[in-house]
Amino acid sequence: MIEYRGEKFSGYNKPKRTPKASKSHAVLAKQGDKVKLIRFGQQGVSGAGKKTDAKSKARRKSFKARHAKNIKKGKMSAAYWADKVKW
């Protein structure tokens, strides 16, 4: 267990749910010697899930296109984690 700013994480780069926070998830991101607490995702929104219907596919595609620039920034960006966990 890693404790960072009063919050416990199971490890670096392992996202967890945050039910009482304004964001739905948090992750203690580590890249090299940099460590950063990142909160991401809108509370109560499921993303597209793993559904295969046309509407879900369209939502997923739109999210990835809209945030592509920030997703490419890697582990130190909230968009990267939202893409990985929620979409």
N, C-alpha and C. Protein backbone atom coordinates (compact mmCIF):
# COMPACT_ATOMS: atom_id res chain seq x y z
N MET A 1 0.84 -1.19 0.00
CA MET A 1 0.00 0.00 0.00
C MET A 1 0.88 1.25 0.00
N ILE A 2 0.51 2.19 -0.82
CA ILE A 2 1.20 3.47 -0.90
C ILE A 2 0.24 4.54 -0.41
N GLU A 3 0.68 5.35 0.53
CA GLU A 3 -0.14 6.46 1.00
C GLU A 3 0.44 7.75 0.44
N TYR A 4 -0.41 8.53 -0.22
CA TYR A 4 0.02 9.78 -0.86
C TYR A 4 -1.03 10.84 -0.56
N ARG A 5 -0.62 11.89 0.14
CA ARG A 5 -1.52 12.99 0.52
C ARG A 5 -2.78 12.47 1.24
N GLY A 6 -2.61 11.51 2.11
CA GLY A 6 -3.72 11.00 2.90
C GLY A 6 -4.62 10.01 2.20
N GLU A 7 -4.27 9.63 0.98
CA GLU A 7 -5.08 8.69 0.21
C GLU A 7 -4.26 7.43 -0.06
N LYS A 8 -4.88 6.27 0.05
CA LYS A 8 -4.16 5.00 -0.11
C LYS A 8 -4.37 4.44 -1.51
N PHE A 9 -3.28 3.94 -2.09
CA PHE A 9 -3.30 3.33 -3.42
C PHE A 9 -2.63 1.96 -3.33
N SER A 10 -3.10 1.02 -4.12
CA SER A 10 -2.52 -0.32 -4.10
C SER A 10 -1.15 -0.37 -4.77
N GLY A 11 -0.85 0.64 -5.57
CA GLY A 11 0.44 0.72 -6.24
C GLY A 11 0.44 1.86 -7.23
N TYR A 12 1.58 2.11 -7.84
CA TYR A 12 1.68 3.14 -8.86
C TYR A 12 0.98 2.66 -10.14
N ASN A 13 0.36 3.58 -10.85
CA ASN A 13 -0.31 3.30 -12.13
C ASN A 13 -1.43 2.27 -12.00
N LYS A 14 -2.09 2.26 -10.83
CA LYS A 14 -3.22 1.36 -10.61
C LYS A 14 -4.43 2.22 -10.23
N PRO A 15 -5.34 2.47 -11.17
CA PRO A 15 -6.50 3.32 -10.90
C PRO A 15 -7.45 2.71 -9.88
N LYS A 16 -8.14 3.59 -9.14
CA LYS A 16 -9.14 3.14 -8.19
C LYS A 16 -10.37 4.04 -8.26
N ARG A 17 -11.50 3.51 -7.82
CA ARG A 17 -12.75 4.29 -7.78
C ARG A 17 -12.69 5.27 -6.63
N THR A 18 -13.30 6.43 -6.80
CA THR A 18 -13.41 7.42 -5.73
C THR A 18 -14.87 7.84 -5.62
N PRO A 19 -15.67 7.09 -4.87
CA PRO A 19 -17.11 7.33 -4.84
C PRO A 19 -17.54 8.65 -4.21
N LYS A 20 -16.74 9.21 -3.28
CA LYS A 20 -17.16 10.44 -2.62
C LYS A 20 -16.51 11.69 -3.20
N ALA A 21 -15.71 11.56 -4.22
CA ALA A 21 -15.03 12.70 -4.83
C ALA A 21 -15.81 13.21 -6.03
N SER A 22 -15.42 14.36 -6.56
CA SER A 22 -16.11 14.92 -7.71
C SER A 22 -15.77 14.15 -8.99
N LYS A 23 -14.60 13.52 -9.02
CA LYS A 23 -14.22 12.69 -10.17
C LYS A 23 -14.42 11.23 -9.79
N SER A 24 -14.63 10.38 -10.79
CA SER A 24 -14.99 8.99 -10.52
C SER A 24 -13.81 8.09 -10.19
N HIS A 25 -12.62 8.44 -10.65
CA HIS A 25 -11.45 7.60 -10.43
C HIS A 25 -10.23 8.46 -10.06
N ALA A 26 -9.25 7.80 -9.46
CA ALA A 26 -7.98 8.45 -9.16
C ALA A 26 -6.88 7.43 -9.41
N VAL A 27 -5.71 7.93 -9.76
CA VAL A 27 -4.55 7.05 -9.97
C VAL A 27 -3.31 7.80 -9.52
N LEU A 28 -2.38 7.08 -8.93
CA LEU A 28 -1.10 7.64 -8.56
C LEU A 28 -0.14 7.27 -9.68
N ALA A 29 0.03 8.19 -10.63
CA ALA A 29 0.81 7.92 -11.83
C ALA A 29 2.29 8.14 -11.56
N LYS A 30 3.11 7.24 -12.08
CA LYS A 30 4.55 7.36 -11.93
C LYS A 30 5.21 7.07 -13.26
N GLN A 31 6.07 7.99 -13.68
CA GLN A 31 6.82 7.83 -14.92
C GLN A 31 8.24 8.30 -14.62
N GLY A 32 9.18 7.39 -14.63
CA GLY A 32 10.54 7.72 -14.22
C GLY A 32 10.54 8.03 -12.73
N ASP A 33 11.03 9.20 -12.35
CA ASP A 33 11.02 9.58 -10.94
C ASP A 33 9.90 10.57 -10.62
N LYS A 34 9.06 10.89 -11.60
CA LYS A 34 7.93 11.79 -11.39
C LYS A 34 6.72 11.02 -10.86
N VAL A 35 6.08 11.57 -9.83
CA VAL A 35 4.87 10.99 -9.26
C VAL A 35 3.80 12.07 -9.26
N LYS A 36 2.59 11.71 -9.70
CA LYS A 36 1.52 12.70 -9.81
C LYS A 36 0.18 12.03 -9.49
N LEU A 37 -0.62 12.70 -8.68
CA LEU A 37 -1.97 12.23 -8.39
C LEU A 37 -2.91 12.78 -9.47
N ILE A 38 -3.58 11.88 -10.16
CA ILE A 38 -4.47 12.29 -11.25
C ILE A 38 -5.88 11.80 -10.95
N ARG A 39 -6.83 12.73 -10.99
CA ARG A 39 -8.24 12.39 -10.84
C ARG A 39 -8.88 12.54 -12.22
N PHE A 40 -9.71 11.59 -12.59
CA PHE A 40 -10.30 11.63 -13.93
C PHE A 40 -11.67 10.99 -13.95
N GLY A 41 -12.43 11.29 -14.98
CA GLY A 41 -13.74 10.69 -15.21
C GLY A 41 -14.86 11.41 -14.50
N GLN A 42 -15.95 11.58 -15.19
CA GLN A 42 -17.12 12.22 -14.60
C GLN A 42 -17.88 11.21 -13.75
N GLN A 43 -18.22 11.62 -12.54
CA GLN A 43 -18.93 10.75 -11.61
C GLN A 43 -20.29 10.34 -12.19
N GLY A 44 -20.61 9.07 -12.18
CA GLY A 44 -21.91 8.59 -12.63
C GLY A 44 -22.01 8.29 -14.12
N VAL A 45 -20.98 8.60 -14.88
CA VAL A 45 -21.00 8.33 -16.32
C VAL A 45 -20.17 7.08 -16.58
N SER A 46 -20.72 6.13 -17.32
CA SER A 46 -20.06 4.85 -17.51
C SER A 46 -19.12 4.81 -18.70
N GLY A 47 -19.07 5.87 -19.51
CA GLY A 47 -18.32 5.78 -20.75
C GLY A 47 -19.14 4.94 -21.71
N ALA A 48 -18.51 4.28 -22.65
CA ALA A 48 -19.25 3.44 -23.59
C ALA A 48 -19.36 2.01 -23.09
N GLY A 49 -18.61 1.67 -22.05
CA GLY A 49 -18.64 0.31 -21.55
C GLY A 49 -18.06 -0.65 -22.58
N LYS A 50 -18.44 -1.89 -22.53
CA LYS A 50 -17.95 -2.88 -23.49
C LYS A 50 -19.05 -3.28 -24.46
N LYS A 51 -20.03 -2.39 -24.63
CA LYS A 51 -21.15 -2.69 -25.50
C LYS A 51 -20.73 -2.67 -26.96
N THR A 52 -21.43 -3.42 -27.76
CA THR A 52 -21.07 -3.51 -29.17
C THR A 52 -22.12 -2.88 -30.08
N ASP A 53 -23.13 -2.22 -29.48
CA ASP A 53 -24.14 -1.60 -30.33
C ASP A 53 -23.58 -0.34 -31.00
N ALA A 54 -24.24 0.13 -32.03
CA ALA A 54 -23.76 1.24 -32.85
C ALA A 54 -23.59 2.53 -32.06
N LYS A 55 -24.52 2.81 -31.15
CA LYS A 55 -24.46 4.04 -30.37
C LYS A 55 -23.21 4.06 -29.47
N SER A 56 -22.92 2.94 -28.81
CA SER A 56 -21.74 2.85 -27.95
C SER A 56 -20.45 2.97 -28.74
N LYS A 57 -20.43 2.34 -29.90
CA LYS A 57 -19.24 2.43 -30.76
C LYS A 57 -19.01 3.86 -31.21
N ALA A 58 -20.08 4.58 -31.52
CA ALA A 58 -19.97 5.98 -31.96
C ALA A 58 -19.47 6.86 -30.82
N ARG A 59 -19.99 6.64 -29.60
CA ARG A 59 -19.54 7.43 -28.43
C ARG A 59 -18.06 7.19 -28.16
N ARG A 60 -17.64 5.93 -28.23
CA ARG A 60 -16.24 5.58 -27.99
C ARG A 60 -15.34 6.24 -29.03
N LYS A 61 -15.74 6.15 -30.28
CA LYS A 61 -14.95 6.72 -31.37
C LYS A 61 -14.84 8.24 -31.22
N SER A 62 -15.94 8.90 -30.84
CA SER A 62 -15.94 10.35 -30.65
C SER A 62 -15.03 10.77 -29.51
N PHE A 63 -15.09 10.03 -28.40
CA PHE A 63 -14.23 10.35 -27.25
C PHE A 63 -12.76 10.24 -27.64
N LYS A 64 -12.40 9.14 -28.29
CA LYS A 64 -11.01 8.92 -28.66
C LYS A 64 -10.52 9.96 -29.66
N ALA A 65 -11.36 10.38 -30.58
CA ALA A 65 -10.98 11.41 -31.55
C ALA A 65 -10.83 12.77 -30.89
N ARG A 66 -11.75 13.09 -30.00
CA ARG A 66 -11.76 14.38 -29.33
C ARG A 66 -10.55 14.55 -28.40
N HIS A 67 -10.11 13.47 -27.78
CA HIS A 67 -9.04 13.54 -26.79
C HIS A 67 -7.73 12.92 -27.26
N ALA A 68 -7.62 12.61 -28.53
CA ALA A 68 -6.44 11.91 -29.06
C ALA A 68 -5.14 12.62 -28.71
N LYS A 69 -5.12 13.93 -28.82
CA LYS A 69 -3.91 14.70 -28.54
C LYS A 69 -3.45 14.51 -27.10
N ASN A 70 -4.40 14.51 -26.15
CA ASN A 70 -4.04 14.36 -24.74
C ASN A 70 -3.78 12.91 -24.36
N ILE A 71 -4.44 11.96 -25.02
CA ILE A 71 -4.20 10.54 -24.75
C ILE A 71 -2.75 10.20 -25.10
N LYS A 72 -2.24 10.79 -26.16
CA LYS A 72 -0.87 10.53 -26.60
C LYS A 72 0.19 11.02 -25.62
N LYS A 73 -0.20 11.90 -24.70
CA LYS A 73 0.76 12.40 -23.70
C LYS A 73 1.21 11.31 -22.73
N GLY A 74 0.44 10.24 -22.65
CA GLY A 74 0.85 9.09 -21.85
C GLY A 74 0.33 9.10 -20.43
N LYS A 75 1.01 8.35 -19.57
CA LYS A 75 0.54 8.08 -18.21
C LYS A 75 0.35 9.29 -17.33
N MET A 76 0.92 10.43 -17.66
CA MET A 76 0.82 11.61 -16.81
C MET A 76 -0.36 12.50 -17.18
N SER A 77 -1.27 12.01 -18.03
CA SER A 77 -2.45 12.79 -18.40
C SER A 77 -3.74 12.08 -18.00
N ALA A 78 -4.73 12.85 -17.61
CA ALA A 78 -6.02 12.29 -17.21
C ALA A 78 -6.72 11.62 -18.39
N ALA A 79 -6.56 12.16 -19.59
CA ALA A 79 -7.21 11.58 -20.77
C ALA A 79 -6.71 10.16 -21.04
N TYR A 80 -5.43 9.91 -20.81
CA TYR A 80 -4.86 8.57 -20.99
C TYR A 80 -5.58 7.57 -20.08
N TRP A 81 -5.75 7.94 -18.81
CA TRP A 81 -6.38 7.04 -17.84
C TRP A 81 -7.87 6.88 -18.10
N ALA A 82 -8.54 7.96 -18.50
CA ALA A 82 -9.97 7.88 -18.82
C ALA A 82 -10.17 6.93 -20.00
N ASP A 83 -9.31 7.03 -21.00
CA ASP A 83 -9.38 6.17 -22.18
C ASP A 83 -9.18 4.71 -21.78
N LYS A 84 -8.22 4.48 -20.94
CA LYS A 84 -7.88 3.11 -20.54
C LYS A 84 -8.95 2.49 -19.64
N VAL A 85 -9.46 3.25 -18.68
CA VAL A 85 -10.36 2.69 -17.67
C VAL A 85 -11.84 2.78 -18.09
N LYS A 86 -12.28 3.93 -18.57
CA LYS A 86 -13.70 4.14 -18.81
C LYS A 86 -14.15 3.87 -20.25
N TRP A 87 -13.26 3.95 -21.21
CA TRP A 87 -13.66 3.82 -22.60
C TRP A 87 -13.06 2.56 -23.20
